[in-house]
Amino acid sequence: MRIDHIQTKMSKTIHNQKVRSFLKALKPWLLTLVVVLILRYTGAISGISFLAQSALLKSGFMDYKPASDEAVAASFDYNFTVKDLKGNILDVNQLKGKVIFINLWATWCGPCRMEMPSIQNLYSTVDPDKVAFIMLALDTEENQHKIPKYINDKQYTFPVYVPNKSLPKQLNVSTIPTTFIIGKDGKIKSKKIGVTNYDTDKFKSFLNELTQ
């Protein structure tokens, strides 16, 4: 057998082994991609994401951590009004001098719904004369009828509002849930983006310090 023929055969064998190794390494990734695409287009991926986030919330991984805040020391813009579920208008200027907990959410937002039990538990333990809650629903106007139904079904008692006309630029967020904590001095003390467990001793201590 000629040497050049042997070299060609060996080269093909090595090449085939590399191809097989590459395909073997690629196979798990391809399988994962196929599964993700199936879950995405069947809508099942949102349910899995919800379960995963629920597990993280219960584990304490998503507990409020002041050090991880996107801290903003700017002055808060009180010059806007909101409307409660009975149509009553609240001028936010009336809340000056109080600590304010503002949560931006919507009924269609799974992560928003996930953190609400912790907010309800927090609301039940704080002094409403010192800490004002604005649970600000951002559902579109044609979907605002879903808000009271959702709140009643879950038996939440915290104050729920919808925007009345325009909101200040500070509240025009790109992601919900987003939560702002405003100090008595009118400064933004915390801006938390994403699912968070607010029913913790650490967060309650943080709020209590702000009310002093």
Foldseek 3Di string as FASTA:
>chain_A
DDPVVVVVVVVVVVVVVVVVVVCVVCVVVVVVVVVVVVCVVVVNVVVVVLVVVLVCQVVCVQADDLVPFPFFFDFDDQQFWWAFPVGDIDRSVVCALAKEKEWEEAPVDSLQVSQVVLVLLVVVPDDCVRYAYEDEYADPPVPPVVVVVVCVVVVRDHTYTYGDPDDDPVPPDPAPGWIWIAANVRTTGGIDGTRHRCNDPVNSVVNVVRSD
